[in-house]
Amino acid sequence: MLISITGIGAVVGASLLSVFSNKLSLRHMITVGLMMMTCGYVIYAFSWSFASIVVGFVILGFFNVFLNAGIITFYQNNVPIEVMGRVTSIYQLVQSIIQVIFILIIGIIADLLSLRLTIITLALVMLISTIIFSFYVLKDNKKHFYREKEEIKMSKISR
């Protein structure tokens, strides 16, 4: 049921993103998407009722669309087409290995402590990591990594 509720948030987020995507910068899509998605997790972690869980998951689904669109666009703009398949395969392999390791560690920690305390702790760690990551993405000296496709074409033409 919660996955369906998250899906409702994602559909609404995708609809809104399709309307406003040209008005949002890549950096802001990534940082706002990540920050608000993390807030959805934090709301879920500290939830006190089913209604608060629903709010957390709707926020999570809604802003996950912004984050994913930003990350995918960033990836397509910065990884050469010739190696994109290989980079994607290696990235997905590493991501899968890290996910398995994290799930095992989280399971062990939740078994030793309590599941609620583990979820709250990890949500807060995610929030702190998100703030640090967003700070670095929004730094002016990183702006060239987040240029839009049209900006990249224009800079190559002007050379």
Protein backbone atom coordinates (compact mmCIF):
# COMPACT_ATOMS: atom_id res chain seq x y z
CA MET A 1 0.00 0.00 0.00
CA LEU A 2 2.79 2.43 0.86
CA ILE A 3 4.49 1.72 -2.46
CA SER A 4 1.27 2.66 -4.25
CA ILE A 5 1.04 5.83 -2.19
CA THR A 6 4.65 6.64 -3.11
CA GLY A 7 3.70 6.01 -6.74
CA ILE A 8 0.90 8.58 -6.49
CA GLY A 9 3.46 11.14 -5.31
CA ALA A 10 5.75 10.13 -8.18
CA VAL A 11 2.99 10.54 -10.80
CA VAL A 12 2.09 13.99 -9.48
CA GLY A 13 5.79 14.92 -9.33
CA ALA A 14 6.40 13.70 -12.88
CA SER A 15 3.42 15.67 -14.15
CA LEU A 16 4.66 18.83 -12.47
CA LEU A 17 8.23 18.24 -13.62
CA SER A 18 7.13 17.82 -17.23
CA VAL A 19 5.56 21.27 -17.07
CA PHE A 20 8.42 23.06 -15.29
CA SER A 21 11.52 21.10 -16.37
CA ASN A 22 12.78 23.86 -18.67
CA LYS A 23 12.61 26.38 -15.83
CA LEU A 24 14.61 24.32 -13.33
CA SER A 25 18.38 24.07 -13.38
CA LEU A 26 20.02 20.68 -13.16
CA ARG A 27 21.73 21.54 -9.88
CA HIS A 28 18.47 22.64 -8.30
CA MET A 29 16.62 19.56 -9.52
CA ILE A 30 19.27 17.37 -7.90
CA THR A 31 19.64 19.29 -4.63
CA VAL A 32 15.96 20.08 -4.05
CA GLY A 33 14.97 16.56 -5.09
CA LEU A 34 17.52 14.98 -2.77
CA MET A 35 16.83 17.33 0.13
CA MET A 36 13.06 16.90 -0.01
CA MET A 37 13.26 13.16 -0.65
CA THR A 38 15.43 12.89 2.46
CA CYS A 39 12.85 14.96 4.37
CA GLY A 40 10.28 12.37 3.31
CA TYR A 41 12.47 9.65 4.81
CA VAL A 42 12.95 11.66 8.01
CA ILE A 43 9.19 12.20 8.32
CA TYR A 44 8.72 8.46 7.86
CA ALA A 45 11.43 7.67 10.43
CA PHE A 46 9.83 9.90 13.05
CA SER A 47 6.25 9.01 12.07
CA TRP A 48 3.68 8.68 14.80
CA SER A 49 0.69 7.54 12.74
CA PHE A 50 -0.20 6.02 9.40
CA ALA A 51 -1.16 9.49 8.13
CA SER A 52 2.33 10.83 8.89
CA ILE A 53 3.88 7.82 7.14
CA VAL A 54 1.70 8.57 4.10
CA VAL A 55 2.87 12.21 4.08
CA GLY A 56 6.51 11.07 4.22
CA PHE A 57 6.07 8.60 1.38
CA VAL A 58 4.15 11.05 -0.84
CA ILE A 59 6.95 13.62 -0.38
CA LEU A 60 9.53 10.90 -1.04
CA GLY A 61 7.82 9.80 -4.27
CA PHE A 62 7.14 13.34 -5.46
CA PHE A 63 10.71 14.57 -5.12
CA ASN A 64 12.36 11.30 -6.15
CA VAL A 65 11.23 12.19 -9.69
CA PHE A 66 13.15 15.48 -9.55
CA LEU A 67 16.27 13.80 -8.19
CA ASN A 68 16.22 10.98 -10.74
CA ALA A 69 15.61 13.31 -13.69
CA GLY A 70 18.47 15.54 -12.53
CA ILE A 71 20.88 12.65 -11.99
CA ILE A 72 20.04 10.98 -15.30
CA THR A 73 20.44 14.25 -17.19
CA PHE A 74 23.75 14.91 -15.41
CA TYR A 75 24.91 11.40 -16.34
CA GLN A 76 23.89 11.78 -19.99
CA ASN A 77 25.62 15.15 -20.25
CA ASN A 78 28.90 14.01 -18.67
CA VAL A 79 29.49 10.42 -19.77
CA PRO A 80 30.54 9.97 -23.42
CA ILE A 81 28.09 7.91 -25.48
CA GLU A 82 30.86 5.54 -26.59
CA VAL A 83 31.45 4.27 -23.04
CA MET A 84 28.03 4.88 -21.50
CA GLY A 85 27.02 1.20 -21.57
CA ARG A 86 30.21 0.03 -19.91
CA VAL A 87 30.12 2.78 -17.31
CA THR A 88 26.48 1.97 -16.55
CA SER A 89 27.25 -1.75 -16.16
CA ILE A 90 30.15 -1.14 -13.81
CA TYR A 91 28.20 1.48 -11.86
CA GLN A 92 25.22 -0.86 -11.43
CA LEU A 93 27.49 -3.71 -10.31
CA VAL A 94 29.16 -1.53 -7.68
CA GLN A 95 25.78 -0.13 -6.60
CA SER A 96 24.36 -3.64 -6.18
CA ILE A 97 27.33 -4.79 -4.11
CA ILE A 98 27.09 -1.72 -1.87
CA GLN A 99 23.32 -2.24 -1.46
CA VAL A 100 23.81 -5.85 -0.34
CA ILE A 101 26.51 -4.82 2.14
CA PHE A 102 24.37 -1.97 3.52
CA ILE A 103 21.30 -4.21 3.88
CA LEU A 104 23.36 -6.78 5.77
CA ILE A 105 24.86 -4.14 8.06
CA ILE A 106 21.47 -2.49 8.65
CA GLY A 107 19.93 -5.88 9.41
CA ILE A 108 22.65 -6.67 11.95
CA ILE A 109 22.34 -3.24 13.58
CA ALA A 110 18.53 -3.51 13.70
CA ASP A 111 18.87 -6.94 15.29
CA LEU A 112 21.26 -5.64 17.96
CA LEU A 113 19.39 -2.41 18.65
CA SER A 114 15.84 -1.68 17.62
CA LEU A 115 14.53 -1.28 14.08
CA ARG A 116 12.99 2.15 14.86
CA LEU A 117 16.24 3.48 16.33
CA THR A 118 18.15 2.15 13.31
CA ILE A 119 15.75 3.81 10.85
CA ILE A 120 15.85 7.13 12.73
CA THR A 121 19.64 7.08 12.94
CA LEU A 122 20.08 6.24 9.26
CA ALA A 123 17.52 8.88 8.22
CA LEU A 124 19.46 11.52 10.18
CA VAL A 125 22.76 10.32 8.69
CA MET A 126 21.13 10.59 5.27
CA LEU A 127 19.96 14.13 6.07
CA ILE A 128 23.45 15.22 7.14
CA SER A 129 24.98 13.56 4.04
CA THR A 130 22.40 15.29 1.86
CA ILE A 131 23.22 18.71 3.28
CA ILE A 132 26.94 18.16 2.68
CA PHE A 133 26.36 16.79 -0.84
CA SER A 134 24.02 19.67 -1.73
CA PHE A 135 26.57 22.19 -0.49
CA TYR A 136 29.17 20.77 -2.87
CA VAL A 137 26.79 20.53 -5.83
CA LEU A 138 25.76 24.17 -5.39
CA LYS A 139 29.35 25.49 -5.14
CA ASP A 140 30.15 27.87 -7.99
CA ASN A 141 33.31 26.02 -9.02
CA LYS A 142 31.20 22.88 -9.72
CA LYS A 143 28.73 24.71 -11.98
CA HIS A 144 30.40 23.53 -15.21
CA PHE A 145 29.52 19.90 -14.42
CA TYR A 146 25.81 20.73 -14.34
CA ARG A 147 25.41 22.59 -17.61
CA GLU A 148 22.42 21.80 -19.75
CA LYS A 149 22.85 20.16 -23.16
CA GLU A 150 22.16 23.44 -24.97
CA GLU A 151 24.82 25.24 -22.91
CA ILE A 152 27.35 22.53 -23.75
CA LYS A 153 26.59 22.78 -27.49
CA MET A 154 26.84 26.59 -27.39
CA SER A 155 30.22 26.48 -25.63
CA LYS A 156 31.58 24.04 -28.26
CA ILE A 157 30.28 26.24 -31.09
CA SER A 158 31.86 29.37 -29.60
CA ARG A 159 35.30 27.72 -29.43
